[in-house]
Amino acid sequence: MKTVHFVFDFASPNSYLVYKVLPNILEKLNSKLIYTPCLLGGIFKLTNNQSPMSAFAHVLGKNNYEDLEFERFIEANQIKTYVENPYFPVNTLIMMRGAIVAQNEGYLEEYVKVGFHHMWETPKKMSDPEIYKKAMSSSGLNGSDLLEKSQIQDVKDRLMENTKQAVEKGAFGTPTFFVQDQIFYGKERLHQIEKLLSD
């Protein structure tokens, strides 16, 4: 079975859009999706990169065009659940450490579903520990346990190691994908991934 490693951070709205589309593509192709939690801010720091919003702030028309492509992707893929987070950009350190906890305990896919829901469907200020805890608990996860275990040093170290390894393999932002020995970046590359997996 072919495998797609999806490097993501809940902070990225583009990662959310990929989450809504990629699993269906892979299911049709009998391919496996592996989520790799990373810190987008950490990737930026290690690669001297910055968010497109900041990078293109002084380029006339660039961010407006990016917004247009964002909306086109939503329309083309009939994504009806996306809601802009009024607190964006959100520091997702707690959420991403929680993803490591969930990965360690075998429920990362469910955690990803819940995390994206509370960031980009019923958006909240998920950087607030109490809001995070209540949101996770409201969706059937143990918010208190997640919050407590997110402070374990091994969890913190694992998240940073994931981030460093992604950069070493060529990542400079999210969403990034590793398929076989190839790297792809951005939601616009899903058709290329689909073609590669189909060959």
N, C-alpha and C. Protein backbone atom coordinates (compact mmCIF):
# COMPACT_ATOMS: atom_id res chain seq x y z
N MET A 1 0.84 -1.20 0.00
CA MET A 1 0.00 0.00 0.00
C MET A 1 0.87 1.25 0.00
N LYS A 2 0.58 2.18 -0.91
CA LYS A 2 1.33 3.43 -0.97
C LYS A 2 0.91 4.35 0.17
N THR A 3 1.84 5.18 0.60
CA THR A 3 1.64 6.00 1.79
C THR A 3 1.93 7.47 1.51
N VAL A 4 1.09 8.34 2.08
CA VAL A 4 1.32 9.79 2.03
C VAL A 4 1.52 10.28 3.45
N HIS A 5 2.67 10.90 3.70
CA HIS A 5 2.94 11.52 5.00
C HIS A 5 2.55 13.00 4.89
N PHE A 6 1.61 13.39 5.71
CA PHE A 6 1.04 14.75 5.67
C PHE A 6 1.56 15.54 6.86
N VAL A 7 2.48 16.46 6.60
CA VAL A 7 3.02 17.35 7.62
C VAL A 7 2.05 18.50 7.81
N PHE A 8 1.53 18.66 9.02
CA PHE A 8 0.47 19.64 9.23
C PHE A 8 0.63 20.36 10.56
N ASP A 9 -0.06 21.49 10.65
CA ASP A 9 -0.24 22.24 11.89
C ASP A 9 -1.66 22.79 11.84
N PHE A 10 -2.39 22.66 12.93
CA PHE A 10 -3.77 23.17 12.97
C PHE A 10 -3.83 24.67 12.68
N ALA A 11 -2.72 25.37 12.85
CA ALA A 11 -2.68 26.82 12.61
C ALA A 11 -2.92 27.17 11.16
N SER A 12 -2.69 26.22 10.27
CA SER A 12 -2.73 26.47 8.83
C SER A 12 -4.11 26.20 8.25
N PRO A 13 -4.81 27.23 7.75
CA PRO A 13 -6.11 26.99 7.12
C PRO A 13 -5.98 26.13 5.87
N ASN A 14 -4.85 26.22 5.19
CA ASN A 14 -4.64 25.37 4.02
C ASN A 14 -4.51 23.90 4.41
N SER A 15 -3.94 23.64 5.58
CA SER A 15 -3.89 22.26 6.07
C SER A 15 -5.29 21.74 6.33
N TYR A 16 -6.16 22.61 6.82
CA TYR A 16 -7.55 22.20 7.04
C TYR A 16 -8.21 21.81 5.72
N LEU A 17 -8.03 22.61 4.70
CA LEU A 17 -8.64 22.30 3.41
C LEU A 17 -8.12 20.97 2.86
N VAL A 18 -6.83 20.72 3.04
CA VAL A 18 -6.26 19.44 2.61
C VAL A 18 -6.89 18.29 3.38
N TYR A 19 -7.05 18.49 4.68
CA TYR A 19 -7.68 17.47 5.53
C TYR A 19 -9.07 17.10 5.02
N LYS A 20 -9.78 18.07 4.46
CA LYS A 20 -11.13 17.82 3.96
C LYS A 20 -11.14 17.08 2.62
N VAL A 21 -10.04 17.11 1.90
CA VAL A 21 -10.02 16.58 0.53
C VAL A 21 -9.15 15.32 0.39
N LEU A 22 -7.95 15.35 0.96
CA LEU A 22 -6.98 14.29 0.72
C LEU A 22 -7.44 12.89 1.14
N PRO A 23 -8.07 12.71 2.32
CA PRO A 23 -8.48 11.35 2.70
C PRO A 23 -9.38 10.67 1.67
N ASN A 24 -10.26 11.42 1.04
CA ASN A 24 -11.15 10.84 0.03
C ASN A 24 -10.37 10.39 -1.20
N ILE A 25 -9.37 11.18 -1.58
CA ILE A 25 -8.52 10.80 -2.72
C ILE A 25 -7.80 9.50 -2.42
N LEU A 26 -7.22 9.41 -1.23
CA LEU A 26 -6.43 8.23 -0.88
C LEU A 26 -7.29 6.99 -0.71
N GLU A 27 -8.50 7.18 -0.22
CA GLU A 27 -9.40 6.04 -0.07
C GLU A 27 -9.70 5.41 -1.43
N LYS A 28 -9.92 6.24 -2.43
CA LYS A 28 -10.21 5.74 -3.78
C LYS A 28 -9.01 5.00 -4.36
N LEU A 29 -7.82 5.41 -3.96
CA LEU A 29 -6.59 4.83 -4.51
C LEU A 29 -6.00 3.75 -3.62
N ASN A 30 -6.74 3.38 -2.56
CA ASN A 30 -6.28 2.36 -1.61
C ASN A 30 -4.89 2.71 -1.07
N SER A 31 -4.71 3.96 -0.73
CA SER A 31 -3.44 4.45 -0.19
C SER A 31 -3.64 4.90 1.25
N LYS A 32 -2.55 4.94 1.99
CA LYS A 32 -2.60 5.23 3.43
C LYS A 32 -2.15 6.65 3.72
N LEU A 33 -2.85 7.30 4.64
CA LEU A 33 -2.49 8.65 5.08
C LEU A 33 -1.90 8.59 6.48
N ILE A 34 -0.72 9.16 6.63
CA ILE A 34 -0.08 9.25 7.94
C ILE A 34 0.08 10.72 8.29
N TYR A 35 -0.54 11.13 9.40
CA TYR A 35 -0.44 12.51 9.86
C TYR A 35 0.87 12.70 10.62
N THR A 36 1.58 13.78 10.31
CA THR A 36 2.82 14.12 11.01
C THR A 36 2.68 15.49 11.65
N PRO A 37 2.39 15.53 12.96
CA PRO A 37 2.24 16.82 13.65
C PRO A 37 3.57 17.57 13.72
N CYS A 38 3.56 18.82 13.33
CA CYS A 38 4.76 19.68 13.38
C CYS A 38 4.35 21.08 13.81
N LEU A 39 5.33 21.87 14.16
CA LEU A 39 5.08 23.27 14.50
C LEU A 39 5.42 24.16 13.30
N LEU A 40 4.40 24.79 12.74
CA LEU A 40 4.63 25.65 11.59
C LEU A 40 5.59 26.77 11.93
N GLY A 41 5.43 27.36 13.11
CA GLY A 41 6.35 28.41 13.54
C GLY A 41 7.78 27.92 13.64
N GLY A 42 7.93 26.67 14.09
CA GLY A 42 9.26 26.07 14.18
C GLY A 42 9.86 25.85 12.80
N ILE A 43 9.03 25.42 11.86
CA ILE A 43 9.50 25.25 10.48
C ILE A 43 9.95 26.59 9.91
N PHE A 44 9.15 27.63 10.13
CA PHE A 44 9.52 28.96 9.64
C PHE A 44 10.86 29.40 10.23
N LYS A 45 11.03 29.17 11.53
CA LYS A 45 12.26 29.60 12.20
C LYS A 45 13.48 28.87 11.65
N LEU A 46 13.33 27.57 11.44
CA LEU A 46 14.46 26.75 10.98
C LEU A 46 14.82 27.01 9.53
N THR A 47 13.87 27.53 8.76
CA THR A 47 14.10 27.74 7.32
C THR A 47 14.17 29.22 6.93
N ASN A 48 14.11 30.11 7.93
CA ASN A 48 14.09 31.55 7.66
C ASN A 48 12.91 31.94 6.78
N ASN A 49 11.81 31.23 6.93
CA ASN A 49 10.59 31.49 6.18
C ASN A 49 9.63 32.31 7.04
N GLN A 50 8.54 32.74 6.46
CA GLN A 50 7.48 33.42 7.20
C GLN A 50 6.16 33.16 6.50
N SER A 51 5.08 33.50 7.16
CA SER A 51 3.77 33.24 6.58
C SER A 51 3.60 34.05 5.29
N PRO A 52 2.83 33.52 4.33
CA PRO A 52 2.57 34.29 3.10
C PRO A 52 1.98 35.67 3.39
N MET A 53 1.12 35.74 4.41
CA MET A 53 0.50 37.02 4.76
C MET A 53 1.55 38.07 5.09
N SER A 54 2.62 37.63 5.79
CA SER A 54 3.71 38.55 6.12
C SER A 54 4.67 38.73 4.95
N ALA A 55 4.99 37.62 4.30
CA ALA A 55 5.99 37.66 3.23
C ALA A 55 5.56 38.54 2.07
N PHE A 56 4.25 38.52 1.77
CA PHE A 56 3.75 39.25 0.60
C PHE A 56 2.96 40.51 0.97
N ALA A 57 3.13 40.95 2.21
CA ALA A 57 2.36 42.10 2.69
C ALA A 57 2.59 43.35 1.84
N HIS A 58 3.78 43.49 1.27
CA HIS A 58 4.12 44.70 0.51
C HIS A 58 4.05 44.47 -1.00
N VAL A 59 3.55 43.29 -1.40
CA VAL A 59 3.40 43.00 -2.83
C VAL A 59 1.97 43.30 -3.24
N LEU A 60 1.78 44.34 -3.99
CA LEU A 60 0.44 44.79 -4.36
C LEU A 60 -0.35 43.67 -5.05
N GLY A 61 -1.48 43.33 -4.48
CA GLY A 61 -2.38 42.36 -5.10
C GLY A 61 -2.11 40.91 -4.77
N LYS A 62 -0.93 40.58 -4.23
CA LYS A 62 -0.55 39.18 -4.02
C LYS A 62 -1.46 38.47 -3.01
N ASN A 63 -1.64 39.05 -1.83
CA ASN A 63 -2.46 38.39 -0.82
C ASN A 63 -3.93 38.35 -1.22
N ASN A 64 -4.38 39.37 -1.94
CA ASN A 64 -5.75 39.34 -2.45
C ASN A 64 -5.95 38.18 -3.41
N TYR A 65 -4.93 37.93 -4.23
CA TYR A 65 -5.02 36.81 -5.16
C TYR A 65 -4.98 35.48 -4.41
N GLU A 66 -4.15 35.39 -3.38
CA GLU A 66 -4.10 34.16 -2.58
C GLU A 66 -5.46 33.88 -1.95
N ASP A 67 -6.12 34.92 -1.49
CA ASP A 67 -7.47 34.76 -0.92
C ASP A 67 -8.44 34.25 -1.98
N LEU A 68 -8.30 34.75 -3.19
CA LEU A 68 -9.16 34.31 -4.29
C LEU A 68 -8.95 32.83 -4.58
N GLU A 69 -7.70 32.39 -4.63
CA GLU A 69 -7.41 30.98 -4.88
C GLU A 69 -7.92 30.09 -3.74
N PHE A 70 -7.84 30.61 -2.54
CA PHE A 70 -8.37 29.90 -1.37
C PHE A 70 -9.86 29.64 -1.55
N GLU A 71 -10.59 30.67 -1.94
CA GLU A 71 -12.03 30.54 -2.14
C GLU A 71 -12.34 29.63 -3.33
N ARG A 72 -11.53 29.70 -4.36
CA ARG A 72 -11.74 28.83 -5.52
C ARG A 72 -11.57 27.36 -5.14
N PHE A 73 -10.58 27.08 -4.30
CA PHE A 73 -10.35 25.70 -3.86
C PHE A 73 -11.54 25.20 -3.06
N ILE A 74 -12.06 26.05 -2.17
CA ILE A 74 -13.23 25.69 -1.37
C ILE A 74 -14.41 25.37 -2.27
N GLU A 75 -14.62 26.22 -3.26
CA GLU A 75 -15.76 26.02 -4.17
C GLU A 75 -15.57 24.78 -5.03
N ALA A 76 -14.38 24.59 -5.56
CA ALA A 76 -14.11 23.46 -6.44
C ALA A 76 -14.28 22.13 -5.73
N ASN A 77 -13.96 22.11 -4.43
CA ASN A 77 -14.03 20.88 -3.67
C ASN A 77 -15.28 20.79 -2.79
N GLN A 78 -16.18 21.77 -2.97
CA GLN A 78 -17.47 21.78 -2.27
C GLN A 78 -17.31 21.62 -0.75
N ILE A 79 -16.39 22.40 -0.21
CA ILE A 79 -16.16 22.40 1.24
C ILE A 79 -17.10 23.41 1.87
N LYS A 80 -18.06 22.94 2.61
CA LYS A 80 -19.10 23.82 3.16
C LYS A 80 -18.93 24.07 4.66
N THR A 81 -17.89 23.50 5.25
CA THR A 81 -17.73 23.55 6.70
C THR A 81 -16.75 24.62 7.17
N TYR A 82 -15.97 25.20 6.25
CA TYR A 82 -14.93 26.14 6.65
C TYR A 82 -15.51 27.45 7.17
N VAL A 83 -15.00 27.88 8.33
CA VAL A 83 -15.35 29.18 8.90
C VAL A 83 -14.04 29.87 9.30
N GLU A 84 -13.85 31.07 8.84
CA GLU A 84 -12.62 31.81 9.18
C GLU A 84 -12.52 32.00 10.68
N ASN A 85 -11.34 31.71 11.23
CA ASN A 85 -11.13 31.86 12.67
C ASN A 85 -10.85 33.33 12.99
N PRO A 86 -11.70 33.97 13.79
CA PRO A 86 -11.52 35.40 14.08
C PRO A 86 -10.27 35.69 14.91
N TYR A 87 -9.67 34.64 15.49
CA TYR A 87 -8.47 34.82 16.31
C TYR A 87 -7.19 34.54 15.53
N PHE A 88 -7.33 34.27 14.24
CA PHE A 88 -6.17 33.95 13.40
C PHE A 88 -5.21 35.14 13.32
N PRO A 89 -3.89 34.92 13.44
CA PRO A 89 -3.22 33.63 13.63
C PRO A 89 -3.27 33.17 15.09
N VAL A 90 -3.45 31.87 15.26
CA VAL A 90 -3.58 31.26 16.59
C VAL A 90 -2.31 30.48 16.91
N ASN A 91 -1.79 30.67 18.10
CA ASN A 91 -0.65 29.87 18.56
C ASN A 91 -1.17 28.46 18.90
N THR A 92 -0.73 27.46 18.15
CA THR A 92 -1.27 26.11 18.31
C THR A 92 -0.31 25.17 19.03
N LEU A 93 0.60 25.71 19.82
CA LEU A 93 1.57 24.87 20.52
C LEU A 93 0.88 23.81 21.37
N ILE A 94 -0.12 24.21 22.14
CA ILE A 94 -0.83 23.25 22.99
C ILE A 94 -1.50 22.18 22.13
N MET A 95 -2.16 22.61 21.07
CA MET A 95 -2.85 21.67 20.19
C MET A 95 -1.89 20.66 19.57
N MET A 96 -0.74 21.13 19.13
CA MET A 96 0.20 20.24 18.46
C MET A 96 0.88 19.29 19.44
N ARG A 97 1.12 19.75 20.65
CA ARG A 97 1.63 18.83 21.67
C ARG A 97 0.56 17.79 22.00
N GLY A 98 -0.69 18.23 22.03
CA GLY A 98 -1.79 17.30 22.25
C GLY A 98 -1.86 16.25 21.15
N ALA A 99 -1.52 16.65 19.93
CA ALA A 99 -1.50 15.70 18.81
C ALA A 99 -0.47 14.61 19.04
N ILE A 100 0.66 14.97 19.62
CA ILE A 100 1.68 13.97 19.95
C ILE A 100 1.16 13.01 21.01
N VAL A 101 0.47 13.55 22.01
CA VAL A 101 -0.14 12.70 23.04
C VAL A 101 -1.10 11.71 22.39
N ALA A 102 -1.96 12.22 21.53
CA ALA A 102 -2.94 11.37 20.85
C ALA A 102 -2.26 10.33 19.98
N GLN A 103 -1.18 10.73 19.33
CA GLN A 103 -0.43 9.78 18.50
C GLN A 103 0.17 8.67 19.37
N ASN A 104 0.73 9.05 20.49
CA ASN A 104 1.31 8.07 21.40
C ASN A 104 0.27 7.07 21.91
N GLU A 105 -0.96 7.54 22.04
CA GLU A 105 -2.01 6.72 22.64
C GLU A 105 -2.95 6.11 21.60
N GLY A 106 -2.66 6.33 20.32
CA GLY A 106 -3.36 5.61 19.27
C GLY A 106 -4.67 6.20 18.78
N TYR A 107 -4.89 7.49 19.00
CA TYR A 107 -6.14 8.08 18.49
C TYR A 107 -5.88 9.41 17.77
N LEU A 108 -4.77 9.46 17.04
CA LEU A 108 -4.40 10.71 16.35
C LEU A 108 -5.44 11.11 15.31
N GLU A 109 -5.97 10.16 14.55
CA GLU A 109 -6.94 10.52 13.51
C GLU A 109 -8.17 11.20 14.10
N GLU A 110 -8.66 10.68 15.20
CA GLU A 110 -9.81 11.30 15.86
C GLU A 110 -9.44 12.68 16.40
N TYR A 111 -8.24 12.79 16.95
CA TYR A 111 -7.77 14.07 17.47
C TYR A 111 -7.67 15.11 16.36
N VAL A 112 -7.16 14.69 15.21
CA VAL A 112 -7.05 15.60 14.06
C VAL A 112 -8.43 16.12 13.66
N LYS A 113 -9.39 15.22 13.61
CA LYS A 113 -10.77 15.60 13.27
C LYS A 113 -11.30 16.64 14.25
N VAL A 114 -11.12 16.38 15.52
CA VAL A 114 -11.62 17.29 16.56
C VAL A 114 -10.86 18.62 16.53
N GLY A 115 -9.54 18.54 16.38
CA GLY A 115 -8.73 19.76 16.36
C GLY A 115 -9.09 20.70 15.22
N PHE A 116 -9.21 20.15 14.02
CA PHE A 116 -9.59 20.99 12.88
C PHE A 116 -11.01 21.53 13.04
N HIS A 117 -11.88 20.74 13.64
CA HIS A 117 -13.26 21.20 13.86
C HIS A 117 -13.27 22.47 14.71
N HIS A 118 -12.50 22.46 15.79
CA HIS A 118 -12.53 23.60 16.71
C HIS A 118 -11.68 24.78 16.24
N MET A 119 -10.83 24.55 15.25
CA MET A 119 -10.04 25.66 14.68
C MET A 119 -10.74 26.31 13.50
N TRP A 120 -11.39 25.49 12.63
CA TRP A 120 -11.83 26.00 11.35
C TRP A 120 -13.28 25.68 10.99
N GLU A 121 -14.04 25.11 11.92
CA GLU A 121 -15.46 24.87 11.67
C GLU A 121 -16.33 25.57 12.71
N THR A 122 -15.95 25.43 13.96
CA THR A 122 -16.56 26.23 15.04
C THR A 122 -15.40 26.93 15.75
N PRO A 123 -14.78 27.91 15.09
CA PRO A 123 -13.48 28.43 15.50
C PRO A 123 -13.45 29.04 16.89
N LYS A 124 -12.36 28.74 17.57
CA LYS A 124 -12.14 29.21 18.94
C LYS A 124 -10.69 29.66 19.10
N LYS A 125 -10.43 30.32 20.20
CA LYS A 125 -9.07 30.73 20.53
C LYS A 125 -8.38 29.56 21.22
N MET A 126 -7.90 28.62 20.42
CA MET A 126 -7.40 27.36 20.96
C MET A 126 -6.03 27.48 21.62
N SER A 127 -5.47 28.66 21.62
CA SER A 127 -4.23 28.89 22.36
C SER A 127 -4.49 29.02 23.86
N ASP A 128 -5.74 29.26 24.23
CA ASP A 128 -6.13 29.39 25.64
C ASP A 128 -6.31 27.99 26.23
N PRO A 129 -5.53 27.62 27.24
CA PRO A 129 -5.59 26.26 27.79
C PRO A 129 -6.98 25.84 28.24
N GLU A 130 -7.73 26.74 28.85
CA GLU A 130 -9.06 26.39 29.33
C GLU A 130 -10.03 26.17 28.17
N ILE A 131 -9.93 27.02 27.16
CA ILE A 131 -10.78 26.86 25.98
C ILE A 131 -10.43 25.56 25.27
N TYR A 132 -9.14 25.28 25.15
CA TYR A 132 -8.69 24.02 24.54
C TYR A 132 -9.26 22.82 25.29
N LYS A 133 -9.12 22.84 26.60
CA LYS A 133 -9.57 21.71 27.42
C LYS A 133 -11.07 21.48 27.27
N LYS A 134 -11.84 22.55 27.32
CA LYS A 134 -13.30 22.44 27.19
C LYS A 134 -13.70 21.98 25.80
N ALA A 135 -13.02 22.50 24.79
CA ALA A 135 -13.35 22.13 23.41
C ALA A 135 -13.10 20.64 23.17
N MET A 136 -11.95 20.17 23.61
CA MET A 136 -11.63 18.75 23.42
C MET A 136 -12.61 17.86 24.17
N SER A 137 -12.93 18.25 25.39
CA SER A 137 -13.87 17.45 26.19
C SER A 137 -15.27 17.45 25.59
N SER A 138 -15.67 18.57 25.00
CA SER A 138 -17.00 18.65 24.39
C SER A 138 -17.14 17.73 23.18
N SER A 139 -16.00 17.32 22.62
CA SER A 139 -16.02 16.44 21.45
C SER A 139 -15.67 14.99 21.82
N GLY A 140 -15.71 14.69 23.10
CA GLY A 140 -15.54 13.31 23.52
C GLY A 140 -14.13 12.90 23.89
N LEU A 141 -13.18 13.83 23.84
CA LEU A 141 -11.82 13.53 24.26
C LEU A 141 -11.62 14.02 25.69
N ASN A 142 -10.56 13.57 26.32
CA ASN A 142 -10.27 13.96 27.70
C ASN A 142 -9.37 15.19 27.68
N GLY A 143 -10.00 16.36 27.70
CA GLY A 143 -9.26 17.60 27.61
C GLY A 143 -8.27 17.80 28.73
N SER A 144 -8.66 17.44 29.94
CA SER A 144 -7.76 17.60 31.09
C SER A 144 -6.53 16.72 30.95
N ASP A 145 -6.74 15.49 30.52
CA ASP A 145 -5.64 14.55 30.35
C ASP A 145 -4.70 15.02 29.24
N LEU A 146 -5.27 15.49 28.14
CA LEU A 146 -4.46 16.00 27.03
C LEU A 146 -3.62 17.19 27.47
N LEU A 147 -4.24 18.10 28.19
CA LEU A 147 -3.54 19.31 28.62
C LEU A 147 -2.40 18.95 29.57
N GLU A 148 -2.67 18.04 30.48
CA GLU A 148 -1.65 17.63 31.45
C GLU A 148 -0.48 16.93 30.75
N LYS A 149 -0.80 16.00 29.87
CA LYS A 149 0.26 15.22 29.21
C LYS A 149 1.02 16.04 28.17
N SER A 150 0.43 17.14 27.71
CA SER A 150 1.13 17.99 26.74
C SER A 150 2.34 18.68 27.36
N GLN A 151 2.42 18.65 28.69
CA GLN A 151 3.54 19.28 29.38
C GLN A 151 4.69 18.30 29.65
N ILE A 152 4.51 17.03 29.29
CA ILE A 152 5.56 16.04 29.49
C ILE A 152 6.72 16.34 28.54
N GLN A 153 7.93 16.29 29.05
CA GLN A 153 9.09 16.68 28.25
C GLN A 153 9.25 15.82 27.00
N ASP A 154 8.99 14.53 27.11
CA ASP A 154 9.12 13.65 25.95
C ASP A 154 8.16 14.05 24.83
N VAL A 155 6.98 14.53 25.21
CA VAL A 155 6.00 15.00 24.23
C VAL A 155 6.52 16.25 23.53
N LYS A 156 7.03 17.18 24.31
CA LYS A 156 7.60 18.41 23.75
C LYS A 156 8.76 18.09 22.79
N ASP A 157 9.61 17.16 23.23
CA ASP A 157 10.78 16.80 22.42
C ASP A 157 10.37 16.11 21.12
N ARG A 158 9.34 15.27 21.20
CA ARG A 158 8.88 14.55 20.00
C ARG A 158 8.35 15.53 18.96
N LEU A 159 7.61 16.53 19.40
CA LEU A 159 7.08 17.52 18.47
C LEU A 159 8.20 18.29 17.80
N MET A 160 9.20 18.67 18.57
CA MET A 160 10.32 19.40 17.99
C MET A 160 11.12 18.51 17.04
N GLU A 161 11.25 17.23 17.38
CA GLU A 161 11.97 16.30 16.52
C GLU A 161 11.23 16.10 15.20
N ASN A 162 9.91 15.97 15.27
CA ASN A 162 9.10 15.89 14.05
C ASN A 162 9.36 17.10 13.15
N THR A 163 9.38 18.27 13.78
CA THR A 163 9.57 19.52 13.05
C THR A 163 10.94 19.57 12.39
N LYS A 164 11.97 19.22 13.14
CA LYS A 164 13.33 19.22 12.60
C LYS A 164 13.47 18.22 11.46
N GLN A 165 12.90 17.03 11.64
CA GLN A 165 13.01 16.00 10.60
C GLN A 165 12.30 16.43 9.32
N ALA A 166 11.16 17.09 9.48
CA ALA A 166 10.43 17.57 8.29
C ALA A 166 11.28 18.58 7.52
N VAL A 167 11.93 19.48 8.25
CA VAL A 167 12.80 20.48 7.61
C VAL A 167 13.99 19.80 6.93
N GLU A 168 14.56 18.82 7.60
CA GLU A 168 15.71 18.10 7.03
C GLU A 168 15.33 17.40 5.73
N LYS A 169 14.06 17.02 5.61
CA LYS A 169 13.58 16.35 4.40
C LYS A 169 13.13 17.34 3.33
N GLY A 170 13.14 18.65 3.67
CA GLY A 170 12.84 19.66 2.67
C GLY A 170 11.64 20.54 2.96
N ALA A 171 10.92 20.30 4.05
CA ALA A 171 9.74 21.12 4.35
C ALA A 171 10.14 22.54 4.70
N PHE A 172 9.33 23.50 4.24
CA PHE A 172 9.54 24.91 4.58
C PHE A 172 8.23 25.58 4.98
N GLY A 173 7.16 24.80 5.04
CA GLY A 173 5.85 25.30 5.43
C GLY A 173 4.87 24.14 5.49
N THR A 174 3.61 24.45 5.70
CA THR A 174 2.56 23.43 5.68
C THR A 174 1.39 23.95 4.84
N PRO A 175 0.68 23.04 4.18
CA PRO A 175 0.82 21.59 4.21
C PRO A 175 1.94 21.08 3.30
N THR A 176 2.71 20.14 3.83
CA THR A 176 3.75 19.47 3.06
C THR A 176 3.46 17.97 3.05
N PHE A 177 3.82 17.33 1.95
CA PHE A 177 3.56 15.90 1.80
C PHE A 177 4.83 15.20 1.33
N PHE A 178 5.06 14.03 1.89
CA PHE A 178 6.13 13.17 1.43
C PHE A 178 5.51 11.89 0.90
N VAL A 179 5.74 11.64 -0.39
CA VAL A 179 5.18 10.47 -1.05
C VAL A 179 6.34 9.73 -1.72
N GLN A 180 6.56 8.50 -1.26
CA GLN A 180 7.72 7.74 -1.72
C GLN A 180 8.95 8.59 -1.43
N ASP A 181 9.72 8.95 -2.44
CA ASP A 181 10.93 9.75 -2.20
C ASP A 181 10.75 11.19 -2.67
N GLN A 182 9.48 11.62 -2.80
CA GLN A 182 9.21 12.95 -3.34
C GLN A 182 8.52 13.84 -2.31
N ILE A 183 8.75 15.15 -2.45
CA ILE A 183 8.12 16.15 -1.59
C ILE A 183 7.15 16.98 -2.42
N PHE A 184 6.03 17.31 -1.82
CA PHE A 184 5.04 18.20 -2.43
C PHE A 184 4.64 19.24 -1.39
N TYR A 185 4.39 20.47 -1.84
CA TYR A 185 3.98 21.53 -0.92
C TYR A 185 2.72 22.22 -1.44
N GLY A 186 1.77 22.39 -0.56
CA GLY A 186 0.59 23.19 -0.87
C GLY A 186 -0.61 22.36 -1.31
N LYS A 187 -1.78 22.91 -1.03
CA LYS A 187 -3.03 22.23 -1.39
C LYS A 187 -3.20 22.09 -2.89
N GLU A 188 -2.51 22.93 -3.64
CA GLU A 188 -2.62 22.89 -5.10
C GLU A 188 -1.91 21.68 -5.71
N ARG A 189 -1.17 20.92 -4.89
CA ARG A 189 -0.41 19.78 -5.40
C ARG A 189 -1.15 18.46 -5.24
N LEU A 190 -2.37 18.50 -4.76
CA LEU A 190 -3.08 17.24 -4.52
C LEU A 190 -3.29 16.45 -5.80
N HIS A 191 -3.52 17.14 -6.91
CA HIS A 191 -3.71 16.41 -8.16
C HIS A 191 -2.42 15.73 -8.61
N GLN A 192 -1.27 16.34 -8.28
CA GLN A 192 0.01 15.71 -8.61
C GLN A 192 0.24 14.46 -7.77
N ILE A 193 -0.14 14.55 -6.50
CA ILE A 193 -0.04 13.39 -5.62
C ILE A 193 -0.95 12.27 -6.11
N GLU A 194 -2.16 12.65 -6.50
CA GLU A 194 -3.11 11.66 -7.01
C GLU A 194 -2.55 10.97 -8.26
N LYS A 195 -1.94 11.72 -9.14
CA LYS A 195 -1.37 11.14 -10.36
C LYS A 195 -0.23 10.19 -10.03
N LEU A 196 0.64 10.59 -9.10
CA LEU A 196 1.77 9.75 -8.71
C LEU A 196 1.28 8.43 -8.13
N LEU A 197 0.27 8.50 -7.29
CA LEU A 197 -0.25 7.29 -6.65
C LEU A 197 -1.00 6.40 -7.65
N SER A 198 -1.50 7.00 -8.71
CA SER A 198 -2.26 6.25 -9.71
C SER A 198 -1.37 5.50 -10.68
N ASP A 199 -0.12 5.97 -10.83
CA ASP A 199 0.80 5.36 -11.81
C ASP A 199 1.23 3.96 -11.38
